[in-house]
Protein backbone atom coordinates (compact mmCIF):
# COMPACT_ATOMS: atom_id res chain seq x y z
CA MET A 1 0.00 0.00 0.00
CA ASN A 2 1.10 3.57 -0.62
CA CYS A 3 1.73 4.93 2.87
CA SER A 4 1.81 8.62 1.87
CA GLY A 5 -1.95 8.96 1.51
CA LYS A 6 -2.67 8.19 5.14
CA ILE A 7 0.10 10.15 6.82
CA SER A 8 -1.79 13.45 7.12
CA GLU A 9 -4.99 11.71 8.23
CA GLN A 10 -3.22 10.24 11.24
CA SER A 11 -1.13 13.25 12.28
CA SER A 12 -3.19 13.50 15.46
CA GLN A 13 -1.75 10.15 16.57
CA ARG A 14 1.81 11.48 16.53
CA ARG A 15 3.58 12.32 19.77
CA GLU A 16 6.43 14.67 20.53
CA LEU A 17 9.84 13.11 20.11
CA PRO A 18 12.55 13.47 22.78
CA ILE A 19 15.00 14.55 20.06
CA SER A 20 14.80 17.43 17.60
CA LYS A 21 17.25 16.08 15.01
CA ARG A 22 19.09 12.87 14.31
CA LYS A 23 22.48 11.83 13.02
CA PHE A 24 21.58 8.16 12.70
CA LEU A 25 19.97 6.34 9.80
CA ILE A 26 16.79 4.36 10.37
CA GLY A 27 15.85 0.99 8.93
CA VAL A 28 13.07 -1.60 8.86
CA VAL A 29 12.86 -5.18 7.60
CA PRO A 30 10.46 -4.95 4.60
CA ASN A 31 8.54 -8.11 5.37
CA PRO A 32 5.24 -8.28 3.47
CA ALA A 33 1.68 -8.01 4.73
CA HIS A 34 -0.71 -10.96 5.11
CA SER A 35 1.81 -13.43 6.56
CA PRO A 36 1.88 -16.41 6.15
CA ASN A 37 -0.06 -15.98 2.88
CA SER A 38 1.83 -13.04 1.43
CA SER A 39 1.81 -12.44 -2.31
CA PHE A 40 4.58 -11.11 -4.54
CA LYS A 41 2.57 -7.87 -4.74
CA ASP A 42 2.66 -7.67 -0.95
CA LEU A 43 6.44 -8.02 -1.05
CA LEU A 44 6.90 -5.27 -3.65
CA GLU A 45 4.63 -2.94 -1.70
CA ALA A 46 6.59 -3.61 1.49
CA PHE A 47 9.86 -2.61 -0.18
CA GLU A 48 8.19 0.46 -1.67
CA GLU A 49 6.91 1.53 1.73
CA VAL A 50 10.17 0.95 3.55
CA GLY A 51 11.85 3.05 0.87
CA LYS A 52 9.63 5.93 2.03
CA ILE A 53 9.93 5.49 5.80
CA ALA A 54 13.54 4.30 6.19
CA GLU A 55 17.06 4.53 4.81
CA VAL A 56 18.53 1.14 5.72
CA CYS A 57 17.27 -2.29 4.71
CA PRO A 58 18.40 -5.30 6.77
CA ILE A 59 18.52 -8.23 4.36
CA TRP A 60 17.79 -11.71 5.70
CA VAL A 61 17.91 -14.58 3.24
CA GLU A 62 17.48 -18.31 3.62
CA LYS A 63 21.23 -18.93 3.69
CA GLN A 64 23.36 -16.65 5.86
CA GLY A 65 26.62 -18.57 5.86
CA ILE A 66 28.78 -20.15 3.21
CA GLY A 67 26.58 -20.30 0.09
CA GLU A 68 24.93 -16.93 0.73
CA PHE A 69 26.88 -15.26 -2.08
CA GLU A 70 25.33 -17.44 -4.79
CA LEU A 71 21.87 -17.00 -3.30
CA LEU A 72 22.23 -13.19 -3.28
CA LYS A 73 23.36 -13.25 -6.90
CA ARG A 74 20.30 -15.28 -7.93
CA ASN A 75 17.63 -13.40 -6.04
CA ARG A 76 19.04 -9.91 -6.81
CA ILE A 77 17.61 -8.60 -3.56
CA VAL A 78 20.51 -6.20 -3.04
CA THR A 79 19.79 -4.56 -6.39
CA GLY A 80 16.09 -4.44 -5.54
CA THR A 81 16.84 -2.79 -2.21
CA ARG A 82 18.80 -0.02 -3.87
CA VAL A 83 16.05 0.57 -6.42
CA TYR A 84 14.01 1.92 -3.50
CA GLY A 85 16.87 4.11 -2.28
CA LEU A 86 17.78 1.89 0.65
CA LYS A 87 21.24 1.04 1.95
CA PRO A 88 21.58 -2.74 2.39
CA LEU A 89 22.76 -4.26 5.66
CA LEU A 90 24.05 -7.76 4.87
CA THR A 91 24.93 -10.44 7.40
CA LEU A 92 27.33 -13.35 6.98
CA ASN A 93 27.04 -15.70 9.94
CA PHE A 94 29.60 -18.30 10.96
CA ALA A 95 27.25 -20.41 13.10
CA THR A 96 23.64 -21.55 13.07
CA ILE A 97 21.15 -23.51 15.13
CA LYS A 98 20.71 -27.02 13.76
CA LYS A 99 18.64 -30.01 14.73
CA THR A 100 20.97 -32.85 15.70
CA ALA A 101 20.67 -36.17 17.49
CA LYS A 102 21.04 -34.20 20.73
CA GLY A 103 18.26 -31.79 19.82
CA LEU A 104 18.73 -28.17 18.75
CA GLU A 105 22.38 -27.11 18.92
CA TYR A 106 24.24 -23.89 18.14
CA VAL A 107 27.09 -25.03 15.90
CA VAL A 108 29.56 -23.75 13.30
CA ASP A 109 27.77 -23.62 9.94
CA ALA A 110 30.24 -25.60 7.84
CA PRO A 111 29.46 -27.16 4.45
CA GLU A 112 29.18 -30.93 4.24
CA GLY A 113 32.60 -32.54 4.43
CA ILE A 114 34.20 -29.63 6.33
CA PRO A 115 34.71 -30.09 10.10
CA PRO A 116 32.38 -27.65 11.91
CA LYS A 117 35.16 -25.98 13.89
CA LEU A 118 36.17 -22.33 13.91
CA SER A 119 39.79 -23.44 14.22
CA ASN A 120 39.60 -25.51 11.01
CA GLN A 121 41.62 -23.94 8.20
CA ALA A 122 39.38 -25.30 5.44
CA PHE A 123 36.40 -23.57 7.05
CA HIS A 124 38.48 -20.40 7.47
CA SER A 125 39.35 -20.31 3.78
CA LEU A 126 35.79 -20.88 2.57
CA TRP A 127 34.26 -18.36 4.97
CA LEU A 128 36.83 -15.69 4.13
CA LYS A 129 36.24 -16.22 0.41
CA GLU A 130 32.49 -15.88 1.00
CA ALA A 131 32.99 -12.56 2.79
CA GLU A 132 35.31 -11.31 0.05
CA ASN A 133 32.96 -12.35 -2.77
CA ILE A 134 29.94 -10.66 -1.16
CA ALA A 135 31.87 -7.45 -0.52
CA LYS A 136 33.38 -7.36 -4.02
CA GLU A 137 30.12 -8.08 -5.86
CA PHE A 138 27.65 -5.99 -3.86
CA LYS A 139 29.80 -3.40 -2.03
CA PRO A 140 27.22 -3.18 0.76
CA GLU A 141 27.13 -0.02 2.81
CA TYR A 142 26.97 -2.23 5.92
CA PHE A 143 28.27 -5.77 6.36
CA SER A 144 27.80 -7.72 9.60
CA LEU A 145 30.06 -10.70 10.21
CA GLY A 146 27.90 -12.37 12.79
CA ASN A 147 24.52 -11.75 14.43
CA GLU A 148 24.09 -11.89 18.22
CA ILE A 149 27.44 -13.62 18.41
CA ASN A 150 27.70 -13.44 22.20
CA ASP A 151 25.10 -16.22 22.39
CA TYR A 152 27.46 -18.53 20.53
CA PHE A 153 30.47 -17.63 22.68
CA HIS A 154 28.46 -18.08 25.86
CA LEU A 155 28.14 -21.74 24.83
CA HIS A 156 31.56 -22.05 23.15
CA PRO A 157 34.03 -19.72 24.92
CA GLU A 158 36.96 -21.70 23.51
CA ASP A 159 36.06 -20.46 20.01
CA LEU A 160 36.47 -16.77 20.75
CA LYS A 161 40.18 -16.57 19.93
CA PRO A 162 39.91 -18.34 16.53
CA TYR A 163 36.90 -16.18 15.64
CA LEU A 164 38.77 -12.97 16.45
CA SER A 165 41.56 -14.12 14.14
CA LEU A 166 39.02 -14.96 11.42
CA LEU A 167 37.30 -11.59 11.87
CA SER A 168 40.54 -9.65 11.49
CA LYS A 169 41.34 -11.45 8.23
CA ALA A 170 37.81 -10.93 6.89
CA TYR A 171 37.92 -7.22 7.72
CA ARG A 172 41.11 -6.77 5.69
CA LYS A 173 39.74 -8.69 2.71
CA ILE A 174 36.49 -6.72 2.71
CA LYS A 175 38.31 -3.39 2.82
CA GLU A 176 40.59 -4.43 -0.05
CA VAL A 177 37.64 -4.94 -2.41
CA SER A 178 35.12 -2.48 -0.92
CA PRO A 179 36.85 0.23 1.13
CA GLN A 180 33.63 2.14 1.82
CA THR A 181 31.82 -0.83 3.39
CA LYS A 182 31.38 -0.44 7.14
CA VAL A 183 32.04 -3.73 8.91
CA LEU A 184 30.34 -4.68 12.17
CA VAL A 185 29.46 -7.59 14.39
CA VAL A 186 26.20 -7.72 16.31
CA PHE A 187 25.59 -8.63 19.96
CA SER A 188 22.37 -9.32 21.82
CA TYR A 189 22.27 -6.55 24.44
CA ASN A 190 19.74 -8.49 26.51
CA HIS A 191 22.11 -11.44 26.77
CA LEU A 192 25.25 -9.35 27.26
CA ILE A 193 23.59 -8.21 30.48
CA GLU A 194 21.97 -11.48 31.51
CA ASN A 195 25.13 -13.53 30.95
CA ASN A 196 27.56 -10.93 32.29
CA GLN A 197 29.31 -10.62 28.90
CA LEU A 198 29.72 -6.87 28.51
CA ALA A 199 33.50 -7.09 28.78
CA LEU A 200 33.41 -9.17 25.59
CA LEU A 201 32.83 -5.95 23.65
CA LYS A 202 36.39 -4.78 24.34
CA ASP A 203 37.78 -7.65 22.26
CA PHE A 204 36.07 -6.23 19.15
CA GLU A 205 36.79 -2.50 19.40
CA ASP A 206 39.86 -2.59 17.15
CA LYS A 207 38.47 -5.12 14.67
CA VAL A 208 35.33 -3.45 13.31
CA ASP A 209 33.96 -0.06 12.25
CA LEU A 210 30.76 -0.32 14.28
CA ILE A 211 29.51 -2.28 17.28
CA GLY A 212 26.09 -3.73 16.46
CA LEU A 213 23.41 -4.41 19.06
CA THR A 214 19.94 -5.89 19.18
CA THR A 215 17.77 -4.72 22.06
CA TYR A 216 14.39 -5.99 23.24
CA PRO A 217 13.85 -4.74 26.81
CA TYR A 218 10.27 -6.05 26.91
CA LYS A 219 11.83 -9.41 27.78
CA GLN A 220 13.31 -7.88 30.95
CA TYR A 221 10.87 -5.15 32.02
CA PRO A 222 7.07 -5.02 32.39
CA ASN A 223 6.74 -1.66 30.61
CA PRO A 224 9.02 0.92 28.97
CA ASN A 225 8.92 3.28 31.95
CA ALA A 226 10.49 0.52 34.03
CA ILE A 227 13.66 0.57 31.92
CA PRO A 228 16.30 2.24 34.12
CA LYS A 229 17.70 5.60 33.01
CA ASP A 230 21.18 4.09 32.92
CA TYR A 231 20.13 0.95 31.02
CA TYR A 232 22.38 1.72 28.03
CA GLU A 233 24.89 3.85 29.93
CA ARG A 234 27.01 0.83 30.89
CA LEU A 235 27.97 0.51 27.20
CA LYS A 236 30.16 3.59 27.55
CA ARG A 237 32.55 1.65 29.78
CA TYR A 238 33.23 -0.88 27.04
CA VAL A 239 32.59 0.74 23.65
CA LYS A 240 34.18 3.74 21.94
CA LYS A 241 33.15 2.90 18.38
CA PRO A 242 29.81 4.14 16.97
CA LEU A 243 26.81 1.93 17.75
CA ALA A 244 24.49 0.31 15.24
CA PHE A 245 21.18 -0.77 16.76
CA THR A 246 20.45 -3.33 14.07
CA GLU A 247 17.23 -4.54 15.74
CA ILE A 248 15.08 -2.79 18.33
CA GLY A 249 11.48 -3.37 19.29
CA TRP A 250 8.76 -4.09 21.82
CA SER A 251 6.07 -6.70 21.47
CA SER A 252 2.44 -5.65 21.26
CA GLY A 253 1.28 -9.18 21.98
CA GLU A 254 0.02 -10.87 25.12
CA GLY A 255 0.74 -8.84 28.25
CA SER A 256 1.60 -5.76 26.24
CA SER A 257 -0.21 -3.28 24.00
CA GLU A 258 0.27 -1.09 20.96
CA LYS A 259 0.57 1.95 23.26
CA MET A 260 3.33 0.24 25.22
CA GLN A 261 5.12 -0.48 21.98
CA ALA A 262 4.95 3.20 21.01
CA ASP A 263 6.08 4.23 24.50
CA PHE A 264 9.17 2.08 24.07
CA LEU A 265 10.32 3.83 20.92
CA LEU A 266 10.09 7.20 22.69
CA ARG A 267 11.86 5.79 25.74
CA PHE A 268 14.64 4.31 23.60
CA LEU A 269 15.23 7.63 21.84
CA GLU A 270 15.40 9.39 25.20
CA LEU A 271 17.86 6.91 26.73
CA THR A 272 20.22 6.87 23.73
CA LYS A 273 20.13 10.51 22.62
CA GLU A 274 23.62 11.27 23.93
CA PHE A 275 25.22 8.26 22.23
CA ASN A 276 27.17 8.10 18.97
CA VAL A 277 24.64 6.04 17.00
CA GLU A 278 25.01 5.17 13.31
CA MET A 279 21.68 3.42 12.73
CA VAL A 280 18.46 2.39 14.46
CA ASN A 281 16.41 -0.39 12.86
CA TRP A 282 12.92 -1.47 13.94
CA LEU A 283 12.50 -5.22 13.56
CA PHE A 284 9.50 -5.72 11.22
CA LEU A 285 7.26 -3.62 9.00
CA HIS A 286 4.31 -6.04 9.30
CA GLU A 287 3.39 -8.54 11.97
CA THR A 288 4.42 -11.99 10.87
CA VAL A 289 4.35 -15.69 11.71
CA ILE A 290 7.81 -16.92 12.70
CA GLY A 291 8.39 -20.36 11.20
CA GLY A 292 11.08 -23.01 11.09
CA ILE A 293 13.69 -23.40 13.82
CA ALA A 294 13.43 -19.69 14.65
CA GLY A 295 9.78 -20.23 15.51
CA LYS A 296 10.67 -23.08 17.84
CA ILE A 297 13.24 -21.14 19.85
CA SER A 298 11.49 -17.76 20.02
CA ASN A 299 8.25 -16.63 21.61
CA LYS A 300 5.36 -16.16 19.18
CA ASP A 301 5.06 -12.55 20.37
CA VAL A 302 8.28 -11.77 18.46
CA GLY A 303 6.13 -11.63 15.34
CA THR A 304 4.21 -8.66 16.82
CA ILE A 305 7.33 -6.46 16.99
CA ALA A 306 6.14 -4.59 13.92
CA LEU A 307 5.05 -1.13 12.87
CA LYS A 308 1.88 -2.53 11.30
CA LYS A 309 -0.56 -5.36 11.73
CA ALA A 310 -0.42 -8.20 9.21
CA ASN A 311 -3.44 -6.73 7.40
CA GLY A 312 -1.57 -3.45 6.83
CA ARG A 313 -3.19 -1.39 9.60
CA ALA A 314 -0.69 1.04 11.08
CA LYS A 315 -0.08 0.77 14.81
CA GLU A 316 0.61 3.75 17.07
CA VAL A 317 4.37 3.22 16.83
CA TYR A 318 4.15 3.64 13.05
CA TYR A 319 3.26 7.33 13.36
CA ILE A 320 6.06 7.97 15.81
CA TRP A 321 8.35 6.31 13.28
CA LEU A 322 7.09 8.69 10.58
CA SER A 323 7.95 11.64 12.81
CA LEU A 324 11.41 10.19 13.31
CA LYS A 325 11.87 9.82 9.55
CA GLU A 326 10.92 13.46 9.00
CA LEU A 327 13.43 14.85 11.49
CA LYS A 328 16.26 16.95 10.09
CA ARG A 329 19.18 14.59 9.80
CA GLU A 330 22.83 15.52 10.04
CA PRO A 331 25.27 13.46 7.99
CA VAL A 332 26.42 10.29 9.74
CA GLY A 333 29.89 10.64 11.21
CA LYS A 334 29.74 14.41 11.82
């Protein structure tokens, strides 16, 4: 749907922002309406709308490890993203959750025949080549080399050193073929706190351009006003690099509300307004049904972390997001 026609009609639903300008870019995953029965038209309309209300497009494809390069070439989603004026944020993961004889396990995502170990040189070579190929072909504005990686290292602390070595090599290769690409890794802020992992951030300061974070405080606090004023302040003790909030959000599902969701966005902007932030991405455009392994390990309310209902109806947070988009923006990095 064309979002522009309804913006003025709903101006009364907007609320005053705690900031008067922004330096950061904003992004949204352009997932289509009517999940799980979305049409190709729904998908095109989602990209069109995100092109109007955001600047960054997080790209999630079926394969996010070795093999992703060929998939991205076939589906041409990076080209499609740029058609709508969006800067792609690509992610190349090194690990995944797989179903094994022991149940669901978080393991290195190695191709068949390659030992699933971060210390294995064959895996190193393939993964580095994947990163180089993606960077050379697509020259993404943003390239993440691992999503919520602290969860993996909480389970496999012995793999941290080989990953840091792999990351350093990948950074150099990416910069050789795409110097303008900003490289980051992403951490789950919820779990950095819960698992006492904040010091882990120091190991990455000199290896990336940005420190990426996902943040979902609704899993820790009953309402946005309960989030402490210093909730994000502790980051300043560990991070000097600019921050990229690659996923933020608040559920509007059971035990919550659309108003609470909107309150969170305002609270987040208030609590982070003094930080050096490069981007802020809301999780979903439309409410969705989470399937596959992700659906088994996450709460169904994750699918409600969206600016709109599945039928396309805008929620209260959507209009706050529009106000954020319209703010005067200073160039990133100034």
